[in-house]
Amino acid sequence: MAEGDRLLKEFSVKKIKELAEGGAPFFLEHAFMKVHADNFASKAFEGKSGSKYPYKDDVVEVDAYIGEIVDALDKAGVLANTFVFVTSDNGPQLDSSPDAGYTPFRGAKGSAWEGGVRVPVIAYWRGMIKPGRQSDELFDLMDLFNTSLHLAGIANKNRRIVTSMASTRPRSCSPTTENPTARRSSSGTRKT
């Protein structure tokens, strides 16, 4: 597991070059195994954080690999037209009571409380997202599928989920401000 993220990063870098040469829009999801438990830094990153904790070395490793993936997009000539989105799938694990001290929010991974589902996001899109922009708006990670289709100019023929957080409008990245009458019903279908 210690070398798994390096191997996945190498695959993504190679795939970016291949896909960019094809000239068509593409979607690449790169999921890291680090920073989960158990944490084992790869040999190249052991001690790089200056901390005695492998977890912090893992954070340095993930940061370096994100940089290499972004560099690969730039070298392939597609970074200027690429939406880069970095986030997590859940809040921290609950190691001890009351909330392990990781977050000011109630709950943790596996709970529906804010501490279990609220995660940070870094979004980058040269010329489209102003550097330093901050937002407290909410969105659902499931919206990334339709957002990706929208940004690539591809119609969603199945219309399984009709929302998109497409942040091409400077006023908001919220799907409800793009179409204020669109809401999901409890079954997930569109209500107006």
N, C-alpha and C. Protein backbone atom coordinates (compact mmCIF):
# COMPACT_ATOMS: atom_id res chain seq x y z
N MET A 1 0.81 -1.20 0.00
CA MET A 1 0.00 0.00 0.00
C MET A 1 0.86 1.26 0.00
N ALA A 2 2.03 1.19 0.56
CA ALA A 2 2.87 2.38 0.67
C ALA A 2 3.19 2.98 -0.70
N GLU A 3 3.32 2.15 -1.72
CA GLU A 3 3.67 2.64 -3.06
C GLU A 3 2.46 2.76 -3.99
N GLY A 4 1.28 2.43 -3.49
CA GLY A 4 0.08 2.42 -4.33
C GLY A 4 -0.24 3.76 -4.97
N ASP A 5 -0.15 4.83 -4.20
CA ASP A 5 -0.48 6.15 -4.76
C ASP A 5 0.52 6.59 -5.82
N ARG A 6 1.78 6.20 -5.66
CA ARG A 6 2.78 6.53 -6.68
C ARG A 6 2.41 5.83 -8.00
N LEU A 7 2.03 4.56 -7.91
CA LEU A 7 1.67 3.81 -9.12
C LEU A 7 0.41 4.39 -9.78
N LEU A 8 -0.57 4.75 -8.97
CA LEU A 8 -1.79 5.36 -9.51
C LEU A 8 -1.49 6.71 -10.16
N LYS A 9 -0.61 7.49 -9.53
CA LYS A 9 -0.23 8.80 -10.10
C LYS A 9 0.46 8.61 -11.44
N GLU A 10 1.36 7.63 -11.53
CA GLU A 10 2.05 7.36 -12.79
C GLU A 10 1.05 6.98 -13.89
N PHE A 11 0.04 6.18 -13.52
CA PHE A 11 -1.00 5.81 -14.47
C PHE A 11 -1.76 7.05 -14.95
N SER A 12 -2.16 7.92 -14.01
CA SER A 12 -2.92 9.12 -14.38
C SER A 12 -2.12 10.04 -15.27
N VAL A 13 -0.84 10.23 -14.96
CA VAL A 13 0.02 11.10 -15.78
C VAL A 13 0.11 10.55 -17.21
N LYS A 14 0.29 9.24 -17.33
CA LYS A 14 0.36 8.60 -18.66
C LYS A 14 -0.98 8.73 -19.39
N LYS A 15 -2.07 8.51 -18.68
CA LYS A 15 -3.40 8.56 -19.28
C LYS A 15 -3.74 9.98 -19.74
N ILE A 16 -3.33 10.99 -18.98
CA ILE A 16 -3.57 12.39 -19.38
C ILE A 16 -2.93 12.67 -20.73
N LYS A 17 -1.69 12.22 -20.90
CA LYS A 17 -0.99 12.42 -22.18
C LYS A 17 -1.76 11.75 -23.32
N GLU A 18 -2.17 10.49 -23.11
CA GLU A 18 -2.90 9.74 -24.13
C GLU A 18 -4.23 10.43 -24.48
N LEU A 19 -4.98 10.80 -23.46
CA LEU A 19 -6.30 11.40 -23.69
C LEU A 19 -6.18 12.77 -24.35
N ALA A 20 -5.20 13.56 -23.94
CA ALA A 20 -5.01 14.89 -24.53
C ALA A 20 -4.66 14.79 -26.01
N GLU A 21 -3.89 13.77 -26.38
CA GLU A 21 -3.53 13.58 -27.79
C GLU A 21 -4.75 13.24 -28.63
N GLY A 22 -5.80 12.69 -28.00
CA GLY A 22 -7.02 12.34 -28.72
C GLY A 22 -7.85 13.55 -29.13
N GLY A 23 -7.63 14.68 -28.47
CA GLY A 23 -8.30 15.92 -28.84
C GLY A 23 -9.74 16.07 -28.38
N ALA A 24 -10.31 15.07 -27.73
CA ALA A 24 -11.69 15.16 -27.26
C ALA A 24 -11.71 15.49 -25.77
N PRO A 25 -12.81 16.08 -25.28
CA PRO A 25 -12.91 16.31 -23.83
C PRO A 25 -12.81 14.98 -23.09
N PHE A 26 -12.22 15.02 -21.92
CA PHE A 26 -12.14 13.78 -21.13
C PHE A 26 -12.35 14.07 -19.66
N PHE A 27 -12.75 13.04 -18.95
CA PHE A 27 -12.96 13.10 -17.51
C PHE A 27 -12.00 12.11 -16.88
N LEU A 28 -11.23 12.57 -15.90
CA LEU A 28 -10.31 11.68 -15.18
C LEU A 28 -10.55 11.88 -13.69
N GLU A 29 -10.86 10.81 -13.01
CA GLU A 29 -10.98 10.86 -11.55
C GLU A 29 -9.78 10.15 -10.98
N HIS A 30 -9.04 10.83 -10.15
CA HIS A 30 -7.88 10.23 -9.49
C HIS A 30 -8.16 10.20 -7.99
N ALA A 31 -8.33 9.01 -7.45
CA ALA A 31 -8.62 8.85 -6.02
C ALA A 31 -7.37 8.32 -5.32
N PHE A 32 -7.01 8.96 -4.23
CA PHE A 32 -5.84 8.55 -3.46
C PHE A 32 -6.21 7.54 -2.38
N MET A 33 -5.32 6.60 -2.13
CA MET A 33 -5.49 5.68 -1.00
C MET A 33 -5.03 6.35 0.28
N LYS A 34 -3.98 7.16 0.20
CA LYS A 34 -3.54 7.92 1.35
C LYS A 34 -4.58 8.97 1.57
N VAL A 35 -4.73 9.50 2.42
CA VAL A 35 -4.57 9.69 3.82
C VAL A 35 -5.72 9.03 4.56
N HIS A 36 -5.72 7.74 4.52
CA HIS A 36 -6.66 6.92 5.27
C HIS A 36 -5.85 6.09 6.25
N ALA A 37 -6.52 5.35 7.11
CA ALA A 37 -5.80 4.45 8.02
C ALA A 37 -5.62 3.14 7.26
N ASP A 38 -4.67 2.41 7.46
CA ASP A 38 -3.38 2.66 8.06
C ASP A 38 -2.55 3.53 7.12
N ASN A 39 -1.70 4.34 7.70
CA ASN A 39 -0.90 5.26 6.91
C ASN A 39 0.55 4.81 6.87
N PHE A 40 1.01 4.54 5.67
CA PHE A 40 2.40 4.16 5.47
C PHE A 40 2.96 5.03 4.36
N ALA A 41 3.84 5.91 4.71
CA ALA A 41 4.44 6.77 3.69
C ALA A 41 5.30 5.92 2.76
N SER A 42 5.32 6.28 1.47
CA SER A 42 6.22 5.59 0.57
C SER A 42 7.65 5.99 0.94
N LYS A 43 8.59 5.17 0.55
CA LYS A 43 9.99 5.39 0.95
C LYS A 43 10.49 6.79 0.57
N ALA A 44 10.07 7.28 -0.58
CA ALA A 44 10.52 8.59 -1.04
C ALA A 44 10.01 9.73 -0.18
N PHE A 45 8.98 9.49 0.64
CA PHE A 45 8.38 10.56 1.44
C PHE A 45 8.51 10.35 2.94
N GLU A 46 9.18 9.30 3.37
CA GLU A 46 9.37 9.07 4.80
C GLU A 46 10.15 10.23 5.41
N GLY A 47 9.59 10.87 6.44
CA GLY A 47 10.25 11.97 7.12
C GLY A 47 10.20 13.31 6.41
N LYS A 48 9.56 13.39 5.25
CA LYS A 48 9.54 14.64 4.47
C LYS A 48 8.73 15.75 5.13
N SER A 49 7.81 15.40 6.01
CA SER A 49 6.98 16.43 6.64
C SER A 49 7.66 17.08 7.84
N GLY A 50 8.75 16.49 8.31
CA GLY A 50 9.40 16.99 9.51
C GLY A 50 8.65 16.58 10.77
N SER A 51 7.71 15.68 10.63
CA SER A 51 6.91 15.20 11.75
C SER A 51 7.26 13.74 12.03
N LYS A 52 6.92 13.28 13.20
CA LYS A 52 7.15 11.87 13.51
C LYS A 52 5.96 11.00 13.12
N TYR A 53 4.94 11.61 12.51
CA TYR A 53 3.72 10.87 12.17
C TYR A 53 3.66 10.56 10.68
N PRO A 54 3.51 9.29 10.31
CA PRO A 54 3.41 8.92 8.89
C PRO A 54 2.26 9.63 8.17
N TYR A 55 1.18 9.93 8.88
CA TYR A 55 0.05 10.61 8.26
C TYR A 55 0.49 11.93 7.62
N LYS A 56 1.33 12.68 8.31
CA LYS A 56 1.76 13.98 7.79
C LYS A 56 2.69 13.81 6.59
N ASP A 57 3.49 12.74 6.59
CA ASP A 57 4.29 12.43 5.40
C ASP A 57 3.37 12.10 4.23
N ASP A 58 2.26 11.40 4.52
CA ASP A 58 1.28 11.07 3.48
C ASP A 58 0.67 12.32 2.87
N VAL A 59 0.39 13.32 3.70
CA VAL A 59 -0.18 14.58 3.20
C VAL A 59 0.81 15.25 2.24
N VAL A 60 2.09 15.26 2.59
CA VAL A 60 3.12 15.82 1.72
C VAL A 60 3.17 15.04 0.40
N GLU A 61 3.06 13.72 0.49
CA GLU A 61 3.08 12.88 -0.71
C GLU A 61 1.89 13.17 -1.62
N VAL A 62 0.69 13.22 -1.06
CA VAL A 62 -0.50 13.52 -1.86
C VAL A 62 -0.37 14.90 -2.51
N ASP A 63 0.11 15.88 -1.78
CA ASP A 63 0.31 17.22 -2.32
C ASP A 63 1.27 17.19 -3.51
N ALA A 64 2.36 16.46 -3.37
CA ALA A 64 3.34 16.36 -4.46
C ALA A 64 2.72 15.70 -5.70
N TYR A 65 1.93 14.66 -5.48
CA TYR A 65 1.32 13.95 -6.61
C TYR A 65 0.25 14.78 -7.30
N ILE A 66 -0.51 15.55 -6.54
CA ILE A 66 -1.48 16.46 -7.16
C ILE A 66 -0.72 17.45 -8.05
N GLY A 67 0.40 17.95 -7.55
CA GLY A 67 1.24 18.85 -8.35
C GLY A 67 1.72 18.21 -9.63
N GLU A 68 2.12 16.94 -9.57
CA GLU A 68 2.59 16.24 -10.77
C GLU A 68 1.46 16.01 -11.77
N ILE A 69 0.26 15.74 -11.27
CA ILE A 69 -0.89 15.55 -12.15
C ILE A 69 -1.25 16.87 -12.84
N VAL A 70 -1.25 17.97 -12.10
CA VAL A 70 -1.52 19.28 -12.69
C VAL A 70 -0.42 19.63 -13.70
N ASP A 71 0.83 19.34 -13.38
CA ASP A 71 1.93 19.57 -14.33
C ASP A 71 1.72 18.76 -15.61
N ALA A 72 1.23 17.53 -15.48
CA ALA A 72 0.98 16.68 -16.66
C ALA A 72 -0.10 17.30 -17.54
N LEU A 73 -1.13 17.87 -16.91
CA LEU A 73 -2.17 18.56 -17.68
C LEU A 73 -1.58 19.75 -18.43
N ASP A 74 -0.69 20.49 -17.77
CA ASP A 74 -0.05 21.65 -18.39
C ASP A 74 0.84 21.22 -19.56
N LYS A 75 1.67 20.21 -19.34
CA LYS A 75 2.57 19.72 -20.40
C LYS A 75 1.80 19.18 -21.59
N ALA A 76 0.61 18.61 -21.33
CA ALA A 76 -0.21 18.07 -22.42
C ALA A 76 -0.97 19.16 -23.15
N GLY A 77 -0.88 20.41 -22.64
CA GLY A 77 -1.53 21.53 -23.30
C GLY A 77 -3.02 21.66 -23.03
N VAL A 78 -3.51 21.00 -21.97
CA VAL A 78 -4.95 21.04 -21.70
C VAL A 78 -5.32 21.73 -20.38
N LEU A 79 -4.34 22.17 -19.62
CA LEU A 79 -4.64 22.76 -18.31
C LEU A 79 -5.51 24.00 -18.41
N ALA A 80 -5.29 24.82 -19.43
CA ALA A 80 -6.06 26.06 -19.56
C ALA A 80 -7.55 25.80 -19.77
N ASN A 81 -7.90 24.60 -20.20
CA ASN A 81 -9.30 24.27 -20.44
C ASN A 81 -9.73 23.08 -19.57
N THR A 82 -9.15 22.99 -18.37
CA THR A 82 -9.44 21.86 -17.48
C THR A 82 -9.93 22.36 -16.13
N PHE A 83 -10.98 21.74 -15.66
CA PHE A 83 -11.55 22.00 -14.33
C PHE A 83 -10.95 20.97 -13.38
N VAL A 84 -10.16 21.44 -12.41
CA VAL A 84 -9.52 20.55 -11.42
C VAL A 84 -10.27 20.71 -10.11
N PHE A 85 -10.66 19.60 -9.53
CA PHE A 85 -11.50 19.59 -8.34
C PHE A 85 -10.90 18.61 -7.34
N VAL A 86 -10.48 19.11 -6.18
CA VAL A 86 -9.85 18.27 -5.15
C VAL A 86 -10.71 18.31 -3.90
N THR A 87 -11.10 17.15 -3.41
CA THR A 87 -11.94 17.10 -2.22
C THR A 87 -11.78 15.75 -1.53
N SER A 88 -12.62 15.52 -0.55
CA SER A 88 -12.66 14.26 0.18
C SER A 88 -14.06 13.69 0.08
N ASP A 89 -14.19 12.42 0.40
CA ASP A 89 -15.51 11.79 0.33
C ASP A 89 -16.27 11.83 1.64
N ASN A 90 -15.61 12.16 2.72
CA ASN A 90 -16.29 12.19 4.02
C ASN A 90 -15.43 12.91 5.04
N GLY A 91 -16.03 13.18 6.19
CA GLY A 91 -15.31 13.79 7.30
C GLY A 91 -14.38 12.77 7.96
N PRO A 92 -13.72 13.16 9.04
CA PRO A 92 -12.75 12.29 9.70
C PRO A 92 -13.40 11.13 10.44
N GLN A 93 -12.60 10.10 10.69
CA GLN A 93 -13.06 8.98 11.50
C GLN A 93 -13.24 9.44 12.94
N LEU A 94 -14.14 8.81 13.62
CA LEU A 94 -14.38 9.12 15.03
C LEU A 94 -13.51 8.19 15.86
N ASP A 95 -12.37 8.72 16.33
CA ASP A 95 -11.43 7.90 17.10
C ASP A 95 -11.74 7.87 18.58
N SER A 96 -12.25 8.97 19.10
CA SER A 96 -12.57 9.02 20.53
C SER A 96 -13.64 10.07 20.76
N SER A 97 -14.24 10.01 21.90
CA SER A 97 -15.34 10.90 22.24
C SER A 97 -14.83 12.30 22.58
N PRO A 98 -15.57 13.35 22.32
CA PRO A 98 -16.86 13.34 21.64
C PRO A 98 -16.72 13.31 20.13
N ASP A 99 -15.77 14.01 19.53
CA ASP A 99 -15.60 13.98 18.08
C ASP A 99 -14.14 13.94 17.68
N ALA A 100 -13.29 13.39 18.50
CA ALA A 100 -11.87 13.18 18.22
C ALA A 100 -11.08 14.47 18.05
N GLY A 101 -11.72 15.62 18.20
CA GLY A 101 -11.02 16.89 18.14
C GLY A 101 -10.58 17.30 16.76
N TYR A 102 -11.05 16.62 15.70
CA TYR A 102 -10.64 16.94 14.35
C TYR A 102 -11.40 18.12 13.76
N THR A 103 -12.57 18.37 14.25
CA THR A 103 -13.45 19.33 13.60
C THR A 103 -14.36 20.00 14.62
N PRO A 104 -14.79 21.21 14.33
CA PRO A 104 -15.75 21.85 15.25
C PRO A 104 -17.18 21.35 15.03
N PHE A 105 -17.38 20.47 14.05
CA PHE A 105 -18.73 20.04 13.71
C PHE A 105 -19.10 18.73 14.39
N ARG A 106 -20.38 18.56 14.65
CA ARG A 106 -20.90 17.35 15.27
C ARG A 106 -20.83 16.20 14.27
N GLY A 107 -20.43 15.02 14.75
CA GLY A 107 -20.40 13.84 13.91
C GLY A 107 -19.06 13.62 13.23
N ALA A 108 -18.97 12.50 12.52
CA ALA A 108 -17.75 12.11 11.83
C ALA A 108 -18.12 11.14 10.71
N LYS A 109 -17.11 10.54 10.08
CA LYS A 109 -17.33 9.58 8.99
C LYS A 109 -18.40 8.57 9.39
N GLY A 110 -19.32 8.32 8.48
CA GLY A 110 -20.36 7.35 8.74
C GLY A 110 -21.61 7.95 9.37
N SER A 111 -21.59 9.24 9.67
CA SER A 111 -22.77 9.89 10.23
C SER A 111 -23.32 10.89 9.23
N ALA A 112 -24.58 11.23 9.40
CA ALA A 112 -25.19 12.24 8.54
C ALA A 112 -25.05 13.64 9.12
N TRP A 113 -24.41 13.74 10.28
CA TRP A 113 -24.16 15.06 10.87
C TRP A 113 -23.15 15.82 10.02
N GLU A 114 -23.09 17.12 10.23
CA GLU A 114 -22.22 17.97 9.42
C GLU A 114 -20.76 17.51 9.44
N GLY A 115 -20.28 17.04 10.58
CA GLY A 115 -18.90 16.57 10.67
C GLY A 115 -18.62 15.33 9.84
N GLY A 116 -19.65 14.62 9.44
CA GLY A 116 -19.48 13.43 8.61
C GLY A 116 -19.54 13.71 7.13
N VAL A 117 -20.21 14.78 6.75
CA VAL A 117 -20.42 15.04 5.33
C VAL A 117 -19.82 16.35 4.82
N ARG A 118 -19.45 17.24 5.71
CA ARG A 118 -18.88 18.53 5.28
C ARG A 118 -17.39 18.35 5.06
N VAL A 119 -16.95 18.61 3.85
CA VAL A 119 -15.54 18.43 3.50
C VAL A 119 -15.05 19.66 2.74
N PRO A 120 -13.76 19.94 2.82
CA PRO A 120 -13.22 21.07 2.06
C PRO A 120 -13.10 20.73 0.58
N VAL A 121 -13.06 21.75 -0.24
CA VAL A 121 -12.92 21.60 -1.69
C VAL A 121 -11.92 22.63 -2.19
N ILE A 122 -11.09 22.22 -3.10
CA ILE A 122 -10.24 23.16 -3.84
C ILE A 122 -10.62 22.99 -5.31
N ALA A 123 -11.03 24.07 -5.95
CA ALA A 123 -11.40 24.04 -7.36
C ALA A 123 -10.49 25.00 -8.11
N TYR A 124 -9.98 24.55 -9.24
CA TYR A 124 -9.08 25.36 -10.06
C TYR A 124 -9.53 25.27 -11.51
N TRP A 125 -9.66 26.41 -12.13
CA TRP A 125 -9.95 26.46 -13.57
C TRP A 125 -9.42 27.80 -14.06
N ARG A 126 -8.28 27.76 -14.70
CA ARG A 126 -7.59 28.97 -15.14
C ARG A 126 -8.52 29.86 -15.96
N GLY A 127 -8.61 31.12 -15.56
CA GLY A 127 -9.42 32.07 -16.29
C GLY A 127 -10.91 32.01 -15.99
N MET A 128 -11.35 31.00 -15.26
CA MET A 128 -12.77 30.85 -14.96
C MET A 128 -13.07 31.01 -13.47
N ILE A 129 -12.19 30.50 -12.63
CA ILE A 129 -12.37 30.63 -11.18
C ILE A 129 -11.30 31.59 -10.68
N LYS A 130 -11.73 32.68 -10.10
CA LYS A 130 -10.81 33.70 -9.61
C LYS A 130 -9.97 33.13 -8.47
N PRO A 131 -8.64 33.26 -8.53
CA PRO A 131 -7.79 32.78 -7.43
C PRO A 131 -8.19 33.42 -6.10
N GLY A 132 -8.23 32.63 -5.06
CA GLY A 132 -8.57 33.11 -3.73
C GLY A 132 -10.06 33.17 -3.45
N ARG A 133 -10.88 32.83 -4.43
CA ARG A 133 -12.33 32.87 -4.22
C ARG A 133 -12.73 31.87 -3.15
N GLN A 134 -13.62 32.27 -2.28
CA GLN A 134 -14.14 31.39 -1.24
C GLN A 134 -15.65 31.36 -1.31
N SER A 135 -16.23 30.23 -0.96
CA SER A 135 -17.68 30.09 -0.97
C SER A 135 -18.11 29.19 0.18
N ASP A 136 -19.21 29.54 0.80
CA ASP A 136 -19.80 28.70 1.84
C ASP A 136 -21.04 27.98 1.32
N GLU A 137 -21.26 28.03 0.00
CA GLU A 137 -22.43 27.37 -0.56
C GLU A 137 -22.29 25.86 -0.49
N LEU A 138 -23.42 25.19 -0.47
CA LEU A 138 -23.45 23.73 -0.39
C LEU A 138 -23.67 23.13 -1.76
N PHE A 139 -23.11 21.97 -1.97
CA PHE A 139 -23.41 21.18 -3.16
C PHE A 139 -23.20 19.72 -2.79
N ASP A 140 -23.64 18.85 -3.66
CA ASP A 140 -23.53 17.42 -3.45
C ASP A 140 -22.50 16.87 -4.44
N LEU A 141 -21.60 16.04 -3.97
CA LEU A 141 -20.58 15.49 -4.88
C LEU A 141 -21.19 14.71 -6.04
N MET A 142 -22.42 14.22 -5.86
CA MET A 142 -23.08 13.52 -6.98
C MET A 142 -23.33 14.47 -8.14
N ASP A 143 -23.35 15.77 -7.90
CA ASP A 143 -23.55 16.75 -8.96
C ASP A 143 -22.34 16.87 -9.89
N LEU A 144 -21.21 16.32 -9.50
CA LEU A 144 -20.01 16.43 -10.34
C LEU A 144 -20.18 15.74 -11.69
N PHE A 145 -20.96 14.67 -11.74
CA PHE A 145 -21.18 13.98 -13.01
C PHE A 145 -21.83 14.91 -14.03
N ASN A 146 -22.98 15.47 -13.67
CA ASN A 146 -23.66 16.36 -14.61
C ASN A 146 -22.89 17.65 -14.85
N THR A 147 -22.20 18.13 -13.82
CA THR A 147 -21.37 19.32 -14.00
C THR A 147 -20.29 19.05 -15.04
N SER A 148 -19.66 17.89 -14.96
CA SER A 148 -18.62 17.53 -15.94
C SER A 148 -19.20 17.44 -17.34
N LEU A 149 -20.37 16.83 -17.48
CA LEU A 149 -21.01 16.78 -18.80
C LEU A 149 -21.29 18.18 -19.33
N HIS A 150 -21.83 19.02 -18.46
CA HIS A 150 -22.16 20.40 -18.84
C HIS A 150 -20.92 21.17 -19.30
N LEU A 151 -19.86 21.08 -18.53
CA LEU A 151 -18.64 21.82 -18.87
C LEU A 151 -18.00 21.32 -20.16
N ALA A 152 -18.19 20.03 -20.46
CA ALA A 152 -17.63 19.46 -21.69
C ALA A 152 -18.56 19.68 -22.89
N GLY A 153 -19.75 20.24 -22.63
CA GLY A 153 -20.69 20.47 -23.72
C GLY A 153 -21.39 19.22 -24.18
N ILE A 154 -21.51 18.24 -23.29
CA ILE A 154 -22.14 16.96 -23.62
C ILE A 154 -23.53 16.92 -22.98
N ALA A 155 -24.54 16.59 -23.77
CA ALA A 155 -25.90 16.49 -23.25
C ALA A 155 -26.04 15.22 -22.41
N ASN A 156 -26.74 15.33 -21.31
CA ASN A 156 -27.04 14.16 -20.46
C ASN A 156 -28.34 13.56 -20.96
N LYS A 157 -28.24 12.58 -21.85
CA LYS A 157 -29.42 12.01 -22.50
C LYS A 157 -30.30 11.22 -21.54
N ASN A 158 -29.69 10.62 -20.52
CA ASN A 158 -30.48 9.82 -19.58
C ASN A 158 -31.19 10.68 -18.54
N ARG A 159 -30.69 11.89 -18.29
CA ARG A 159 -31.26 12.84 -17.34
C ARG A 159 -31.58 12.17 -16.00
N ARG A 160 -30.70 11.33 -15.54
CA ARG A 160 -30.91 10.65 -14.26
C ARG A 160 -30.94 11.64 -13.11
N ILE A 161 -30.04 12.58 -13.12
CA ILE A 161 -29.98 13.62 -12.10
C ILE A 161 -29.92 14.93 -12.86
N VAL A 162 -30.74 15.87 -12.53
CA VAL A 162 -30.85 17.05 -13.37
C VAL A 162 -30.12 18.28 -12.85
N THR A 163 -29.45 18.18 -11.73
CA THR A 163 -28.76 19.36 -11.21
C THR A 163 -27.32 19.39 -11.69
N SER A 164 -26.77 20.57 -11.71
CA SER A 164 -25.38 20.78 -12.08
C SER A 164 -24.88 21.99 -11.31
N MET A 165 -23.69 21.88 -10.74
CA MET A 165 -23.15 23.03 -10.00
C MET A 165 -22.25 23.86 -10.89
N ALA A 166 -22.35 23.68 -12.20
CA ALA A 166 -21.48 24.31 -13.17
C ALA A 166 -21.12 25.74 -12.75
N SER A 167 -19.88 25.92 -12.37
CA SER A 167 -19.45 27.21 -11.83
C SER A 167 -18.94 28.13 -12.93
N THR A 168 -19.58 28.06 -14.07
CA THR A 168 -19.17 28.95 -15.16
C THR A 168 -19.77 30.34 -15.00
N ARG A 169 -20.74 30.47 -14.12
CA ARG A 169 -21.34 31.78 -13.86
C ARG A 169 -20.66 32.39 -12.65
N PRO A 170 -20.21 33.62 -12.75
CA PRO A 170 -19.47 34.21 -11.64
C PRO A 170 -20.29 34.42 -10.38
N ARG A 171 -21.61 34.46 -10.47
CA ARG A 171 -22.41 34.77 -9.29
C ARG A 171 -22.54 33.60 -8.33
N SER A 172 -22.41 32.38 -8.81
CA SER A 172 -22.64 31.26 -7.91
C SER A 172 -22.20 29.96 -8.54
N CYS A 173 -21.96 28.97 -7.70
CA CYS A 173 -21.75 27.61 -8.20
C CYS A 173 -22.88 26.72 -7.73
N SER A 174 -23.95 27.32 -7.22
CA SER A 174 -25.07 26.56 -6.69
C SER A 174 -26.04 26.17 -7.80
N PRO A 175 -26.42 24.88 -7.88
CA PRO A 175 -27.36 24.49 -8.91
C PRO A 175 -28.72 25.17 -8.78
N THR A 176 -29.11 25.53 -7.58
CA THR A 176 -30.43 26.13 -7.39
C THR A 176 -30.47 27.58 -7.83
N THR A 177 -29.33 28.27 -7.89
CA THR A 177 -29.36 29.64 -8.40
C THR A 177 -29.31 29.66 -9.92
N GLU A 178 -28.82 28.58 -10.52
CA GLU A 178 -28.83 28.49 -11.97
C GLU A 178 -30.27 28.30 -12.46
N ASN A 179 -31.05 27.53 -11.76
CA ASN A 179 -32.46 27.32 -12.06
C ASN A 179 -33.20 27.32 -10.73
N PRO A 180 -33.62 28.49 -10.24
CA PRO A 180 -34.18 28.59 -8.89
C PRO A 180 -35.41 27.74 -8.65
N THR A 181 -36.10 27.30 -9.71
CA THR A 181 -37.29 26.49 -9.50
C THR A 181 -37.00 25.00 -9.51
N ALA A 182 -35.78 24.62 -9.88
CA ALA A 182 -35.45 23.19 -9.94
C ALA A 182 -35.14 22.66 -8.55
N ARG A 183 -35.80 21.63 -8.17
CA ARG A 183 -35.56 20.96 -6.89
C ARG A 183 -35.69 19.46 -7.11
N ARG A 184 -35.03 18.69 -6.30
CA ARG A 184 -35.21 17.25 -6.35
C ARG A 184 -36.33 16.84 -5.42
N SER A 185 -37.13 15.91 -5.88
CA SER A 185 -38.13 15.33 -4.98
C SER A 185 -37.44 14.26 -4.16
N SER A 186 -38.15 13.65 -3.24
CA SER A 186 -37.55 12.61 -2.42
C SER A 186 -37.12 11.41 -3.25
N SER A 187 -37.69 11.24 -4.45
CA SER A 187 -37.30 10.12 -5.31
C SER A 187 -36.12 10.47 -6.20
N GLY A 188 -35.66 11.73 -6.16
CA GLY A 188 -34.51 12.14 -6.96
C GLY A 188 -34.89 12.69 -8.31
N THR A 189 -36.19 12.71 -8.64
CA THR A 189 -36.60 13.25 -9.93
C THR A 189 -36.84 14.75 -9.81
N ARG A 190 -36.88 15.41 -10.93
CA ARG A 190 -37.01 16.87 -10.95
C ARG A 190 -38.43 17.32 -10.61
N LYS A 191 -38.51 18.32 -9.76
CA LYS A 191 -39.77 19.00 -9.45
C LYS A 191 -39.59 20.47 -9.81
N THR A 192 -40.58 21.09 -10.37
CA THR A 192 -40.50 22.53 -10.63
C THR A 192 -41.65 23.25 -9.97
